[in-house]
Amino acid sequence: MSNRGRGRGKRGVASCSKKLREDELHVEFDDDMIAMGKQKSKFASWLGLTLRARFPYHIPTKEFDRQRWENLWLDAKDYWNIPDDEPREVFLKKAKKNCTNWRSKLYRKYVMKNEEPFDDYKFLDRSKWPLFVASKRKAKFLVC
């Protein structure tokens, strides 16, 4: 992992490399259905990594079909032993926002600087980078 651009107190790329025990695979939610408790950070990291693995970065968030989002929820519910669907709506809203923020981060940190993210994010599909860059530059041109 590259330290380029990281100063004191800056986080690196999450990896969720520590395997959780079965009894740790549970997350609690507050009255607003926001993750809380001991595992909330692990839950957030799991969500971010899962989104990056399953939702290709070169496709805009709004273009993913409903079933893909539903499968994400069902997998989270199963993996984290979430007993009911009460947090579903807030979870999916956060997941979609996370996807959009991820693409924005790639744009700000790499496309705007004419750089590539592959030293920092080895899992990204290099073959899709030109599509992503072209779509972001086209969108920027249309906004101006």
C-alpha atoms as a PDB file:
ATOM      1  CA  MET A   1       0.000   0.000   0.000  1.00  0.00           C
ATOM      2  CA  SER A   2       1.276   3.408  -0.913  1.00  0.00           C
ATOM      3  CA  ASN A   3       1.578   6.196   1.639  1.00  0.00           C
ATOM      4  CA  ARG A   4       1.340   8.807  -1.107  1.00  0.00           C
ATOM      5  CA  GLY A   5      -0.872  11.662   0.000  1.00  0.00           C
ATOM      6  CA  ARG A   6      -1.331  10.339   3.524  1.00  0.00           C
ATOM      7  CA  GLY A   7      -0.288  12.511   6.379  1.00  0.00           C
ATOM      8  CA  ARG A   8      -0.423  11.944  10.082  1.00  0.00           C
ATOM      9  CA  GLY A   9      -3.777  10.588  11.177  1.00  0.00           C
ATOM     10  CA  LYS A  10      -4.902   9.595   7.682  1.00  0.00           C
ATOM     11  CA  ARG A  11      -6.310   6.118   7.212  1.00  0.00           C
ATOM     12  CA  GLY A  12      -5.062   3.743   4.591  1.00  0.00           C
ATOM     13  CA  VAL A  13      -7.126   1.419   2.461  1.00  0.00           C
ATOM     14  CA  ALA A  14      -9.352  -0.850   4.581  1.00  0.00           C
ATOM     15  CA  SER A  15      -8.776  -4.563   4.217  1.00  0.00           C
ATOM     16  CA  CYS A  16     -10.800  -6.310   6.958  1.00  0.00           C
ATOM     17  CA  SER A  17      -7.914  -8.711   7.235  1.00  0.00           C
ATOM     18  CA  LYS A  18      -8.748  -9.815  10.771  1.00  0.00           C
ATOM     19  CA  LYS A  19     -11.204 -12.706  10.697  1.00  0.00           C
ATOM     20  CA  LEU A  20     -14.095 -12.157  13.082  1.00  0.00           C
ATOM     21  CA  ARG A  21     -15.320 -14.911  15.361  1.00  0.00           C
ATOM     22  CA  GLU A  22     -18.883 -16.148  14.946  1.00  0.00           C
ATOM     23  CA  ASP A  23     -19.968 -14.406  18.165  1.00  0.00           C
ATOM     24  CA  GLU A  24     -18.601 -11.084  16.824  1.00  0.00           C
ATOM     25  CA  LEU A  25     -20.730 -11.214  13.674  1.00  0.00           C
ATOM     26  CA  HIS A  26     -23.576  -9.175  15.071  1.00  0.00           C
ATOM     27  CA  VAL A  27     -24.345  -5.503  14.756  1.00  0.00           C
ATOM     28  CA  GLU A  28     -26.890  -3.485  16.700  1.00  0.00           C
ATOM     29  CA  PHE A  29     -28.903  -0.508  15.472  1.00  0.00           C
ATOM     30  CA  ASP A  30     -30.198   2.570  17.282  1.00  0.00           C
ATOM     31  CA  ASP A  31     -33.743   3.945  16.952  1.00  0.00           C
ATOM     32  CA  ASP A  32     -32.783   5.663  13.681  1.00  0.00           C
ATOM     33  CA  MET A  33     -31.468   2.333  12.306  1.00  0.00           C
ATOM     34  CA  ILE A  34     -27.848   3.517  12.373  1.00  0.00           C
ATOM     35  CA  ALA A  35     -25.299   0.834  13.230  1.00  0.00           C
ATOM     36  CA  MET A  36     -23.991   1.146  16.775  1.00  0.00           C
ATOM     37  CA  GLY A  37     -22.117  -0.812  19.374  1.00  0.00           C
ATOM     38  CA  LYS A  38     -18.853  -2.669  19.458  1.00  0.00           C
ATOM     39  CA  GLN A  39     -18.931  -3.868  15.823  1.00  0.00           C
ATOM     40  CA  LYS A  40     -20.176  -0.724  14.066  1.00  0.00           C
ATOM     41  CA  SER A  41     -16.730   0.075  12.608  1.00  0.00           C
ATOM     42  CA  LYS A  42     -16.237  -3.483  11.376  1.00  0.00           C
ATOM     43  CA  PHE A  43     -19.725  -3.379   9.872  1.00  0.00           C
ATOM     44  CA  ALA A  44     -18.937  -0.117   8.050  1.00  0.00           C
ATOM     45  CA  SER A  45     -15.636  -1.525   6.750  1.00  0.00           C
ATOM     46  CA  TRP A  46     -17.353  -4.715   5.611  1.00  0.00           C
ATOM     47  CA  LEU A  47     -19.953  -2.666   3.752  1.00  0.00           C
ATOM     48  CA  GLY A  48     -17.354  -0.514   1.990  1.00  0.00           C
ATOM     49  CA  LEU A  49     -15.231  -3.475   0.937  1.00  0.00           C
ATOM     50  CA  THR A  50     -18.252  -5.485  -0.157  1.00  0.00           C
ATOM     51  CA  LEU A  51     -19.523  -2.585  -2.271  1.00  0.00           C
ATOM     52  CA  ARG A  52     -16.141  -2.175  -3.944  1.00  0.00           C
ATOM     53  CA  ALA A  53     -15.968  -5.889  -4.680  1.00  0.00           C
ATOM     54  CA  ARG A  54     -19.515  -6.279  -6.048  1.00  0.00           C
ATOM     55  CA  PHE A  55     -20.332  -2.933  -7.643  1.00  0.00           C
ATOM     56  CA  PRO A  56     -17.962  -2.087 -10.522  1.00  0.00           C
ATOM     57  CA  TYR A  57     -16.535   1.404 -10.147  1.00  0.00           C
ATOM     58  CA  HIS A  58     -16.983   2.355 -13.792  1.00  0.00           C
ATOM     59  CA  ILE A  59     -20.793   1.991 -13.619  1.00  0.00           C
ATOM     60  CA  PRO A  60     -22.735   4.896 -12.036  1.00  0.00           C
ATOM     61  CA  THR A  61     -24.563   3.998  -8.806  1.00  0.00           C
ATOM     62  CA  LYS A  62     -27.999   4.779 -10.243  1.00  0.00           C
ATOM     63  CA  GLU A  63     -27.515   2.185 -12.994  1.00  0.00           C
ATOM     64  CA  PHE A  64     -27.376  -0.831 -10.670  1.00  0.00           C
ATOM     65  CA  ASP A  65     -30.604  -2.786 -10.634  1.00  0.00           C
ATOM     66  CA  ARG A  66     -32.832  -3.229  -7.596  1.00  0.00           C
ATOM     67  CA  GLN A  67     -31.987  -6.924  -7.267  1.00  0.00           C
ATOM     68  CA  ARG A  68     -28.275  -6.213  -6.820  1.00  0.00           C
ATOM     69  CA  TRP A  69     -29.092  -3.905  -3.884  1.00  0.00           C
ATOM     70  CA  GLU A  70     -31.535  -6.423  -2.439  1.00  0.00           C
ATOM     71  CA  ASN A  71     -28.879  -9.160  -2.598  1.00  0.00           C
ATOM     72  CA  LEU A  72     -26.461  -6.870  -0.768  1.00  0.00           C
ATOM     73  CA  TRP A  73     -29.012  -6.387   2.011  1.00  0.00           C
ATOM     74  CA  LEU A  74     -29.751 -10.108   2.269  1.00  0.00           C
ATOM     75  CA  ASP A  75     -26.041 -10.921   2.459  1.00  0.00           C
ATOM     76  CA  ALA A  76     -25.477  -8.270   5.149  1.00  0.00           C
ATOM     77  CA  LYS A  77     -28.473  -9.538   7.087  1.00  0.00           C
ATOM     78  CA  ASP A  78     -27.183 -13.105   6.927  1.00  0.00           C
ATOM     79  CA  TYR A  79     -23.483 -12.352   7.577  1.00  0.00           C
ATOM     80  CA  TRP A  80     -24.130  -9.938  10.466  1.00  0.00           C
ATOM     81  CA  ASN A  81     -27.033 -11.912  11.972  1.00  0.00           C
ATOM     82  CA  ILE A  82     -29.493  -9.033  11.616  1.00  0.00           C
ATOM     83  CA  PRO A  83     -32.781 -10.467  12.914  1.00  0.00           C
ATOM     84  CA  ASP A  84     -35.280  -8.435  10.859  1.00  0.00           C
ATOM     85  CA  ASP A  85     -35.665  -6.027   7.936  1.00  0.00           C
ATOM     86  CA  GLU A  86     -36.138  -2.907  10.043  1.00  0.00           C
ATOM     87  CA  PRO A  87     -32.681  -1.428   9.158  1.00  0.00           C
ATOM     88  CA  ARG A  88     -33.027  -2.296   5.445  1.00  0.00           C
ATOM     89  CA  GLU A  89     -34.095   1.119   4.120  1.00  0.00           C
ATOM     90  CA  VAL A  90     -31.399   3.061   6.007  1.00  0.00           C
ATOM     91  CA  PHE A  91     -28.780   0.417   5.139  1.00  0.00           C
ATOM     92  CA  LEU A  92     -29.542   0.630   1.411  1.00  0.00           C
ATOM     93  CA  LYS A  93     -29.564   4.429   1.474  1.00  0.00           C
ATOM     94  CA  LYS A  94     -26.140   4.424   3.157  1.00  0.00           C
ATOM     95  CA  ALA A  95     -24.844   1.785   0.727  1.00  0.00           C
ATOM     96  CA  LYS A  96     -25.886   3.861  -2.292  1.00  0.00           C
ATOM     97  CA  LYS A  97     -24.334   6.981  -0.794  1.00  0.00           C
ATOM     98  CA  ASN A  98     -21.144   5.019  -0.083  1.00  0.00           C
ATOM     99  CA  CYS A  99     -21.023   3.884  -3.734  1.00  0.00           C
ATOM    100  CA  THR A 100     -21.435   7.434  -4.998  1.00  0.00           C
ATOM    101  CA  ASN A 101     -18.819   8.764  -2.566  1.00  0.00           C
ATOM    102  CA  TRP A 102     -16.361   6.066  -3.672  1.00  0.00           C
ATOM    103  CA  ARG A 103     -16.653   7.140  -7.295  1.00  0.00           C
ATOM    104  CA  SER A 104     -16.326  10.800  -6.284  1.00  0.00           C
ATOM    105  CA  LYS A 105     -13.184   9.988  -4.320  1.00  0.00           C
ATOM    106  CA  LEU A 106     -11.656   8.225  -7.320  1.00  0.00           C
ATOM    107  CA  TYR A 107     -12.477  11.260  -9.431  1.00  0.00           C
ATOM    108  CA  ARG A 108     -11.030  13.816  -6.986  1.00  0.00           C
ATOM    109  CA  LYS A 109      -7.908  11.888  -6.003  1.00  0.00           C
ATOM    110  CA  TYR A 110      -6.988  10.427  -9.386  1.00  0.00           C
ATOM    111  CA  VAL A 111      -8.915  11.618 -12.457  1.00  0.00           C
ATOM    112  CA  MET A 112      -8.565  15.327 -11.615  1.00  0.00           C
ATOM    113  CA  LYS A 113      -4.830  14.840 -11.068  1.00  0.00           C
ATOM    114  CA  ASN A 114      -4.342  12.663 -14.180  1.00  0.00           C
ATOM    115  CA  GLU A 115      -3.195   9.793 -11.970  1.00  0.00           C
ATOM    116  CA  GLU A 116      -4.212   6.152 -11.614  1.00  0.00           C
ATOM    117  CA  PRO A 117      -5.363   4.473  -8.385  1.00  0.00           C
ATOM    118  CA  PHE A 118      -3.864   1.018  -8.923  1.00  0.00           C
ATOM    119  CA  ASP A 119      -0.983   1.356  -6.451  1.00  0.00           C
ATOM    120  CA  ASP A 120      -3.484   2.133  -3.693  1.00  0.00           C
ATOM    121  CA  TYR A 121      -6.353  -0.086  -4.882  1.00  0.00           C
ATOM    122  CA  LYS A 122      -4.868  -3.214  -6.390  1.00  0.00           C
ATOM    123  CA  PHE A 123      -8.264  -4.886  -6.732  1.00  0.00           C
ATOM    124  CA  LEU A 124      -9.574  -2.374  -9.289  1.00  0.00           C
ATOM    125  CA  ASP A 125     -10.021  -3.621 -12.850  1.00  0.00           C
ATOM    126  CA  ARG A 126      -7.463  -1.682 -14.905  1.00  0.00           C
ATOM    127  CA  SER A 127      -9.312  -2.358 -18.148  1.00  0.00           C
ATOM    128  CA  LYS A 128     -12.294  -0.261 -16.939  1.00  0.00           C
ATOM    129  CA  TRP A 129     -10.273   2.818 -15.932  1.00  0.00           C
ATOM    130  CA  PRO A 130     -10.445   4.511 -19.378  1.00  0.00           C
ATOM    131  CA  LEU A 131     -14.254   4.113 -19.348  1.00  0.00           C
ATOM    132  CA  PHE A 132     -14.470   5.648 -15.876  1.00  0.00           C
ATOM    133  CA  VAL A 133     -12.182   8.553 -16.766  1.00  0.00           C
ATOM    134  CA  ALA A 134     -14.049   9.251 -20.010  1.00  0.00           C
ATOM    135  CA  SER A 135     -17.432   9.193 -18.260  1.00  0.00           C
ATOM    136  CA  LYS A 136     -16.223  11.574 -15.549  1.00  0.00           C
ATOM    137  CA  ARG A 137     -14.654  13.994 -18.010  1.00  0.00           C
ATOM    138  CA  LYS A 138     -17.787  13.914 -20.176  1.00  0.00           C
ATOM    139  CA  ALA A 139     -19.986  14.589 -17.125  1.00  0.00           C
ATOM    140  CA  LYS A 140     -17.725  17.461 -16.054  1.00  0.00           C
ATOM    141  CA  PHE A 141     -17.874  18.948 -19.562  1.00  0.00           C
ATOM    142  CA  LEU A 142     -21.672  18.740 -19.628  1.00  0.00           C
ATOM    143  CA  VAL A 143     -21.969  20.530 -16.256  1.00  0.00           C
ATOM    144  CA  CYS A 144     -19.779  23.498 -17.280  1.00  0.00           C
END
